[in-house]
All heavy atoms as atom14 arrays in JSON, in Angstrom:
{
  "sequence": "YGYQARLTADRLNAPPEQIRESLERLVYKGFVPHFLK",
  "atom14_mask": [
    [1, 1, 1, 1, 1, 1, 1, 1, 1, 1, 1, 1, 0, 0],
    [1, 1, 1, 1, 0, 0, 0, 0, 0, 0, 0, 0, 0, 0],
    [1, 1, 1, 1, 1, 1, 1, 1, 1, 1, 1, 1, 0, 0],
    [1, 1, 1, 1, 1, 1, 1, 1, 1, 0, 0, 0, 0, 0],
    [1, 1, 1, 1, 1, 0, 0, 0, 0, 0, 0, 0, 0, 0],
    [1, 1, 1, 1, 1, 1, 1, 1, 1, 1, 1, 0, 0, 0],
    [1, 1, 1, 1, 1, 1, 1, 1, 0, 0, 0, 0, 0, 0],
    [1, 1, 1, 1, 1, 1, 1, 0, 0, 0, 0, 0, 0, 0],
    [1, 1, 1, 1, 1, 0, 0, 0, 0, 0, 0, 0, 0, 0],
    [1, 1, 1, 1, 1, 1, 1, 1, 0, 0, 0, 0, 0, 0],
    [1, 1, 1, 1, 1, 1, 1, 1, 1, 1, 1, 0, 0, 0],
    [1, 1, 1, 1, 1, 1, 1, 1, 0, 0, 0, 0, 0, 0],
    [1, 1, 1, 1, 1, 1, 1, 1, 0, 0, 0, 0, 0, 0],
    [1, 1, 1, 1, 1, 0, 0, 0, 0, 0, 0, 0, 0, 0],
    [1, 1, 1, 1, 1, 1, 1, 0, 0, 0, 0, 0, 0, 0],
    [1, 1, 1, 1, 1, 1, 1, 0, 0, 0, 0, 0, 0, 0],
    [1, 1, 1, 1, 1, 1, 1, 1, 1, 0, 0, 0, 0, 0],
    [1, 1, 1, 1, 1, 1, 1, 1, 1, 0, 0, 0, 0, 0],
    [1, 1, 1, 1, 1, 1, 1, 1, 0, 0, 0, 0, 0, 0],
    [1, 1, 1, 1, 1, 1, 1, 1, 1, 1, 1, 0, 0, 0],
    [1, 1, 1, 1, 1, 1, 1, 1, 1, 0, 0, 0, 0, 0],
    [1, 1, 1, 1, 1, 1, 0, 0, 0, 0, 0, 0, 0, 0],
    [1, 1, 1, 1, 1, 1, 1, 1, 0, 0, 0, 0, 0, 0],
    [1, 1, 1, 1, 1, 1, 1, 1, 1, 0, 0, 0, 0, 0],
    [1, 1, 1, 1, 1, 1, 1, 1, 1, 1, 1, 0, 0, 0],
    [1, 1, 1, 1, 1, 1, 1, 1, 0, 0, 0, 0, 0, 0],
    [1, 1, 1, 1, 1, 1, 1, 0, 0, 0, 0, 0, 0, 0],
    [1, 1, 1, 1, 1, 1, 1, 1, 1, 1, 1, 1, 0, 0],
    [1, 1, 1, 1, 1, 1, 1, 1, 1, 0, 0, 0, 0, 0],
    [1, 1, 1, 1, 0, 0, 0, 0, 0, 0, 0, 0, 0, 0],
    [1, 1, 1, 1, 1, 1, 1, 1, 1, 1, 1, 0, 0, 0],
    [1, 1, 1, 1, 1, 1, 1, 0, 0, 0, 0, 0, 0, 0],
    [1, 1, 1, 1, 1, 1, 1, 0, 0, 0, 0, 0, 0, 0],
    [1, 1, 1, 1, 1, 1, 1, 1, 1, 1, 0, 0, 0, 0],
    [1, 1, 1, 1, 1, 1, 1, 1, 1, 1, 1, 0, 0, 0],
    [1, 1, 1, 1, 1, 1, 1, 1, 0, 0, 0, 0, 0, 0],
    [1, 1, 1, 1, 1, 1, 1, 1, 1, 0, 0, 0, 0, 0]
  ],
  "atom14_positions": [
    [[19.51, 4.69, 76.42], [19.76, 5.69, 77.46], [18.58, 5.66, 78.49], [18.81, 5.86, 79.69], [19.89, 7.08, 76.85], [21.13, 7.25, 76.05], [21.06, 7.34, 74.63], [22.37, 7.31, 76.7], [22.27, 7.49, 73.93], [23.54, 7.41, 75.96], [23.5, 7.51, 74.57], [24.61, 7.64, 73.85], [0.0, 0.0, 0.0], [0.0, 0.0, 0.0]],
    [[17.35, 5.43, 77.98], [16.22, 5.32, 78.92], [16.33, 4.13, 79.81], [16.07, 4.17, 81.01], [0.0, 0.0, 0.0], [0.0, 0.0, 0.0], [0.0, 0.0, 0.0], [0.0, 0.0, 0.0], [0.0, 0.0, 0.0], [0.0, 0.0, 0.0], [0.0, 0.0, 0.0], [0.0, 0.0, 0.0], [0.0, 0.0, 0.0], [0.0, 0.0, 0.0]],
    [[16.71, 2.99, 79.23], [16.84, 1.75, 79.98], [17.99, 1.88, 80.99], [17.78, 1.51, 82.17], [17.13, 0.57, 78.99], [17.26, -0.74, 79.7], [16.21, -1.27, 80.4], [18.44, -1.48, 79.56], [16.3, -2.53, 81.03], [18.55, -2.73, 80.18], [17.44, -3.27, 80.91], [17.59, -4.47, 81.53], [0.0, 0.0, 0.0], [0.0, 0.0, 0.0]],
    [[19.08, 2.44, 80.6], [20.19, 2.65, 81.52], [19.77, 3.53, 82.68], [20.1, 3.29, 83.84], [21.32, 3.3, 80.76], [22.55, 3.67, 81.59], [23.67, 4.26, 80.75], [24.6, 3.63, 80.43], [23.51, 5.53, 80.39], [0.0, 0.0, 0.0], [0.0, 0.0, 0.0], [0.0, 0.0, 0.0], [0.0, 0.0, 0.0], [0.0, 0.0, 0.0]],
    [[19.01, 4.6, 82.42], [18.56, 5.5, 83.46], [17.6, 4.77, 84.41], [17.63, 4.98, 85.62], [17.88, 6.72, 82.85], [0.0, 0.0, 0.0], [0.0, 0.0, 0.0], [0.0, 0.0, 0.0], [0.0, 0.0, 0.0], [0.0, 0.0, 0.0], [0.0, 0.0, 0.0], [0.0, 0.0, 0.0], [0.0, 0.0, 0.0], [0.0, 0.0, 0.0]],
    [[16.72, 3.91, 83.85], [15.79, 3.21, 84.71], [16.57, 2.22, 85.67], [16.24, 2.14, 86.85], [14.77, 2.41, 83.91], [13.79, 3.29, 83.13], [12.58, 2.53, 82.66], [12.97, 1.47, 81.67], [13.15, 1.7, 80.35], [12.96, 2.95, 79.9], [13.45, 0.72, 79.57], [0.0, 0.0, 0.0], [0.0, 0.0, 0.0], [0.0, 0.0, 0.0]],
    [[17.55, 1.55, 85.13], [18.3, 0.64, 85.96], [19.02, 1.42, 87.08], [19.16, 0.94, 88.21], [19.31, -0.15, 85.13], [18.73, -1.2, 84.16], [19.91, -1.79, 83.32], [18.03, -2.3, 84.92], [0.0, 0.0, 0.0], [0.0, 0.0, 0.0], [0.0, 0.0, 0.0], [0.0, 0.0, 0.0], [0.0, 0.0, 0.0], [0.0, 0.0, 0.0]],
    [[19.59, 2.55, 86.73], [20.28, 3.36, 87.66], [19.33, 3.91, 88.73], [19.61, 3.87, 89.93], [21.02, 4.55, 87.0], [21.89, 4.07, 85.96], [21.89, 5.3, 87.98], [0.0, 0.0, 0.0], [0.0, 0.0, 0.0], [0.0, 0.0, 0.0], [0.0, 0.0, 0.0], [0.0, 0.0, 0.0], [0.0, 0.0, 0.0], [0.0, 0.0, 0.0]],
    [[18.15, 4.35, 88.28], [17.16, 4.89, 89.16], [16.67, 3.85, 90.15], [16.39, 4.14, 91.33], [16.0, 5.49, 88.37], [0.0, 0.0, 0.0], [0.0, 0.0, 0.0], [0.0, 0.0, 0.0], [0.0, 0.0, 0.0], [0.0, 0.0, 0.0], [0.0, 0.0, 0.0], [0.0, 0.0, 0.0], [0.0, 0.0, 0.0], [0.0, 0.0, 0.0]],
    [[16.5, 2.62, 89.71], [16.05, 1.51, 90.57], [16.96, 1.37, 91.75], [16.5, 1.04, 92.89], [15.91, 0.26, 89.79], [14.77, 0.18, 88.82], [13.87, 1.08, 88.97], [14.7, -0.68, 87.96], [0.0, 0.0, 0.0], [0.0, 0.0, 0.0], [0.0, 0.0, 0.0], [0.0, 0.0, 0.0], [0.0, 0.0, 0.0], [0.0, 0.0, 0.0]],
    [[18.28, 1.57, 91.5], [19.27, 1.36, 92.56], [19.31, 2.55, 93.53], [19.84, 2.42, 94.6], [20.63, 1.12, 91.93], [20.76, -0.28, 91.32], [21.79, -0.38, 90.23], [21.93, -1.77, 89.8], [21.11, -2.39, 89.01], [20.06, -1.72, 88.49], [21.3, -3.64, 88.67], [0.0, 0.0, 0.0], [0.0, 0.0, 0.0], [0.0, 0.0, 0.0]],
    [[18.71, 3.65, 93.15], [18.67, 4.86, 93.98], [17.29, 5.19, 94.48], [17.13, 6.16, 95.23], [19.23, 6.04, 93.17], [20.68, 5.94, 92.72], [21.03, 7.07, 91.77], [21.64, 5.97, 93.93], [0.0, 0.0, 0.0], [0.0, 0.0, 0.0], [0.0, 0.0, 0.0], [0.0, 0.0, 0.0], [0.0, 0.0, 0.0], [0.0, 0.0, 0.0]],
    [[16.3, 4.43, 94.08], [14.92, 4.68, 94.43], [14.53, 6.11, 94.04], [14.03, 6.92, 94.88], [14.66, 4.45, 95.9], [13.18, 4.43, 96.27], [12.33, 4.11, 95.47], [12.84, 4.79, 97.5], [0.0, 0.0, 0.0], [0.0, 0.0, 0.0], [0.0, 0.0, 0.0], [0.0, 0.0, 0.0], [0.0, 0.0, 0.0], [0.0, 0.0, 0.0]],
    [[14.9, 6.46, 92.81], [14.7, 7.8, 92.32], [13.92, 7.8, 91.0], [13.86, 6.75, 90.31], [16.04, 8.53, 92.1], [0.0, 0.0, 0.0], [0.0, 0.0, 0.0], [0.0, 0.0, 0.0], [0.0, 0.0, 0.0], [0.0, 0.0, 0.0], [0.0, 0.0, 0.0], [0.0, 0.0, 0.0], [0.0, 0.0, 0.0], [0.0, 0.0, 0.0]],
    [[13.34, 8.92, 90.51], [12.6, 8.98, 89.24], [13.55, 8.75, 88.11], [14.61, 9.5, 88.04], [11.99, 10.4, 89.26], [12.0, 10.82, 90.68], [13.19, 10.2, 91.32], [0.0, 0.0, 0.0], [0.0, 0.0, 0.0], [0.0, 0.0, 0.0], [0.0, 0.0, 0.0], [0.0, 0.0, 0.0], [0.0, 0.0, 0.0], [0.0, 0.0, 0.0]],
    [[13.25, 7.89, 87.14], [14.19, 7.65, 86.04], [14.49, 8.9, 85.21], [15.61, 9.12, 84.77], [13.4, 6.63, 85.18], [12.56, 5.94, 86.18], [12.18, 6.96, 87.18], [0.0, 0.0, 0.0], [0.0, 0.0, 0.0], [0.0, 0.0, 0.0], [0.0, 0.0, 0.0], [0.0, 0.0, 0.0], [0.0, 0.0, 0.0], [0.0, 0.0, 0.0]],
    [[13.52, 9.77, 84.97], [13.79, 10.98, 84.15], [14.75, 11.92, 84.86], [15.57, 12.51, 84.25], [12.47, 11.71, 83.84], [11.66, 11.04, 82.72], [12.45, 10.81, 81.49], [13.18, 11.77, 81.06], [12.43, 9.69, 80.92], [0.0, 0.0, 0.0], [0.0, 0.0, 0.0], [0.0, 0.0, 0.0], [0.0, 0.0, 0.0], [0.0, 0.0, 0.0]],
    [[14.64, 11.96, 86.2], [15.54, 12.79, 86.95], [17.02, 12.24, 86.82], [18.01, 13.01, 86.67], [15.16, 12.82, 88.4], [16.14, 13.58, 89.31], [15.8, 13.39, 90.85], [14.59, 13.41, 91.16], [16.79, 13.22, 91.64], [0.0, 0.0, 0.0], [0.0, 0.0, 0.0], [0.0, 0.0, 0.0], [0.0, 0.0, 0.0], [0.0, 0.0, 0.0]],
    [[17.1, 10.9, 86.9], [18.46, 10.25, 86.82], [18.96, 10.41, 85.4], [20.19, 10.67, 85.21], [18.32, 8.79, 87.22], [17.95, 8.67, 88.67], [19.64, 8.06, 86.89], [18.92, 9.35, 89.63], [0.0, 0.0, 0.0], [0.0, 0.0, 0.0], [0.0, 0.0, 0.0], [0.0, 0.0, 0.0], [0.0, 0.0, 0.0], [0.0, 0.0, 0.0]],
    [[18.12, 10.3, 84.4], [18.59, 10.51, 83.07], [19.18, 11.9, 82.86], [20.18, 12.0, 82.21], [17.49, 10.2, 82.04], [17.88, 10.29, 80.56], [16.91, 9.72, 79.66], [17.39, 9.77, 78.24], [16.75, 9.18, 77.21], [15.69, 8.42, 77.42], [17.24, 9.27, 76.01], [0.0, 0.0, 0.0], [0.0, 0.0, 0.0], [0.0, 0.0, 0.0]],
    [[18.47, 12.86, 83.39], [18.98, 14.24, 83.24], [20.27, 14.42, 83.96], [21.2, 15.12, 83.47], [17.89, 15.23, 83.83], [18.2, 16.67, 83.6], [19.22, 17.23, 84.61], [19.21, 16.74, 85.77], [19.97, 18.17, 84.27], [0.0, 0.0, 0.0], [0.0, 0.0, 0.0], [0.0, 0.0, 0.0], [0.0, 0.0, 0.0], [0.0, 0.0, 0.0]],
    [[20.42, 13.84, 85.15], [21.64, 13.9, 85.91], [22.82, 13.26, 85.2], [23.92, 13.77, 85.16], [21.48, 13.26, 87.29], [20.54, 14.0, 88.04], [0.0, 0.0, 0.0], [0.0, 0.0, 0.0], [0.0, 0.0, 0.0], [0.0, 0.0, 0.0], [0.0, 0.0, 0.0], [0.0, 0.0, 0.0], [0.0, 0.0, 0.0], [0.0, 0.0, 0.0]],
    [[22.57, 12.11, 84.56], [23.63, 11.38, 83.84], [24.04, 12.21, 82.59], [25.25, 12.32, 82.28], [23.15, 10.01, 83.41], [22.97, 8.96, 84.58], [22.4, 7.73, 84.02], [24.32, 8.73, 85.29], [0.0, 0.0, 0.0], [0.0, 0.0, 0.0], [0.0, 0.0, 0.0], [0.0, 0.0, 0.0], [0.0, 0.0, 0.0], [0.0, 0.0, 0.0]],
    [[23.04, 12.81, 81.93], [23.34, 13.62, 80.76], [24.2, 14.84, 81.18], [25.25, 15.18, 80.5], [22.04, 14.07, 80.14], [22.26, 14.91, 78.87], [22.8, 14.12, 77.7], [22.65, 12.9, 77.69], [23.36, 14.75, 76.78], [0.0, 0.0, 0.0], [0.0, 0.0, 0.0], [0.0, 0.0, 0.0], [0.0, 0.0, 0.0], [0.0, 0.0, 0.0]],
    [[23.81, 15.51, 82.25], [24.52, 16.72, 82.7], [25.9, 16.43, 83.34], [26.89, 17.05, 82.99], [23.64, 17.45, 83.73], [24.31, 18.65, 84.37], [23.26, 19.44, 85.19], [22.51, 18.57, 86.11], [22.91, 18.24, 87.31], [24.07, 18.72, 87.78], [22.22, 17.42, 88.07], [0.0, 0.0, 0.0], [0.0, 0.0, 0.0], [0.0, 0.0, 0.0]],
    [[25.96, 15.36, 84.13], [27.22, 15.15, 84.86], [28.2, 14.28, 84.14], [29.38, 14.49, 84.23], [26.87, 14.51, 86.22], [26.05, 15.37, 87.15], [25.63, 14.53, 88.36], [26.85, 16.57, 87.66], [0.0, 0.0, 0.0], [0.0, 0.0, 0.0], [0.0, 0.0, 0.0], [0.0, 0.0, 0.0], [0.0, 0.0, 0.0], [0.0, 0.0, 0.0]],
    [[27.7, 13.26, 83.39], [28.59, 12.29, 82.75], [28.8, 12.62, 81.27], [29.86, 12.93, 80.81], [28.04, 10.84, 82.85], [28.9, 9.9, 82.14], [27.97, 10.48, 84.37], [0.0, 0.0, 0.0], [0.0, 0.0, 0.0], [0.0, 0.0, 0.0], [0.0, 0.0, 0.0], [0.0, 0.0, 0.0], [0.0, 0.0, 0.0], [0.0, 0.0, 0.0]],
    [[27.69, 12.61, 80.52], [27.86, 12.74, 79.05], [28.25, 14.18, 78.64], [29.0, 14.28, 77.65], [26.54, 12.32, 78.37], [26.28, 10.9, 78.49], [25.34, 10.36, 79.36], [27.01, 9.97, 77.75], [25.12, 8.96, 79.51], [26.81, 8.58, 77.84], [25.87, 8.11, 78.71], [25.71, 6.75, 78.88], [0.0, 0.0, 0.0], [0.0, 0.0, 0.0]],
    [[27.86, 15.17, 79.35], [28.29, 16.56, 79.07], [29.33, 17.0, 80.08], [30.27, 17.77, 79.67], [27.11, 17.49, 79.08], [26.13, 17.22, 77.93], [24.97, 18.27, 77.94], [24.03, 18.03, 76.77], [22.86, 18.92, 76.82], [0.0, 0.0, 0.0], [0.0, 0.0, 0.0], [0.0, 0.0, 0.0], [0.0, 0.0, 0.0], [0.0, 0.0, 0.0]],
    [[29.24, 16.54, 81.3], [30.1, 17.08, 82.39], [31.54, 16.63, 82.21], [32.48, 17.34, 82.67], [0.0, 0.0, 0.0], [0.0, 0.0, 0.0], [0.0, 0.0, 0.0], [0.0, 0.0, 0.0], [0.0, 0.0, 0.0], [0.0, 0.0, 0.0], [0.0, 0.0, 0.0], [0.0, 0.0, 0.0], [0.0, 0.0, 0.0], [0.0, 0.0, 0.0]],
    [[31.76, 15.47, 81.63], [33.17, 14.97, 81.52], [33.94, 15.71, 80.38], [35.15, 15.84, 80.42], [33.19, 13.45, 81.16], [32.86, 12.6, 82.33], [32.34, 13.06, 83.5], [33.09, 11.19, 82.21], [32.02, 12.21, 84.57], [32.78, 10.36, 83.26], [32.26, 10.87, 84.48], [0.0, 0.0, 0.0], [0.0, 0.0, 0.0], [0.0, 0.0, 0.0]],
    [[33.2, 16.23, 79.41], [33.83, 16.69, 78.17], [34.78, 17.86, 78.37], [35.86, 17.85, 77.79], [32.71, 17.1, 77.13], [33.31, 17.84, 75.96], [31.97, 15.83, 76.64], [0.0, 0.0, 0.0], [0.0, 0.0, 0.0], [0.0, 0.0, 0.0], [0.0, 0.0, 0.0], [0.0, 0.0, 0.0], [0.0, 0.0, 0.0], [0.0, 0.0, 0.0]],
    [[34.48, 18.96, 79.14], [35.39, 20.02, 79.26], [36.78, 19.66, 79.8], [37.75, 20.33, 79.51], [34.69, 21.03, 80.21], [33.25, 20.62, 80.09], [33.22, 19.17, 79.86], [0.0, 0.0, 0.0], [0.0, 0.0, 0.0], [0.0, 0.0, 0.0], [0.0, 0.0, 0.0], [0.0, 0.0, 0.0], [0.0, 0.0, 0.0], [0.0, 0.0, 0.0]],
    [[36.88, 18.54, 80.58], [38.12, 18.13, 81.12], [39.11, 17.74, 80.02], [40.36, 17.79, 80.24], [37.98, 17.0, 82.07], [37.14, 17.36, 83.32], [37.69, 18.06, 84.38], [35.85, 17.12, 83.64], [36.73, 18.27, 85.31], [35.64, 17.69, 84.86], [0.0, 0.0, 0.0], [0.0, 0.0, 0.0], [0.0, 0.0, 0.0], [0.0, 0.0, 0.0]],
    [[38.62, 17.4, 78.86], [39.49, 16.9, 77.79], [40.28, 18.06, 77.16], [41.22, 17.81, 76.41], [38.7, 16.18, 76.7], [38.3, 14.8, 77.18], [37.16, 14.57, 77.96], [39.08, 13.71, 76.83], [36.83, 13.35, 78.42], [38.73, 12.41, 77.26], [37.61, 12.27, 78.06], [0.0, 0.0, 0.0], [0.0, 0.0, 0.0], [0.0, 0.0, 0.0]],
    [[39.92, 19.32, 77.51], [40.72, 20.49, 77.0], [42.11, 20.44, 77.66], [43.0, 21.06, 77.08], [39.99, 21.77, 77.27], [38.78, 22.09, 76.45], [37.98, 23.2, 77.06], [39.16, 22.37, 75.0], [0.0, 0.0, 0.0], [0.0, 0.0, 0.0], [0.0, 0.0, 0.0], [0.0, 0.0, 0.0], [0.0, 0.0, 0.0], [0.0, 0.0, 0.0]],
    [[42.23, 19.83, 78.76], [43.48, 19.82, 79.51], [44.15, 18.47, 79.54], [45.15, 18.24, 80.29], [43.26, 20.34, 80.89], [42.8, 21.85, 80.93], [42.66, 22.38, 82.37], [42.2, 23.83, 82.34], [42.06, 24.34, 83.71], [0.0, 0.0, 0.0], [0.0, 0.0, 0.0], [0.0, 0.0, 0.0], [0.0, 0.0, 0.0], [0.0, 0.0, 0.0]]
  ]
}
C-alpha cells in the first residue's frame, strides 16, 4: 500500500502519505457503501 501510494503520488507531484490517506478514504472505504444497493 505504501509503494502503491508513492507511485500514485509521483504522478501527481503530491506527498505519498496524503495520497495513501486519499486512496484509503475514497477507494478502499469509499467504494464499500455502494455495495448495499
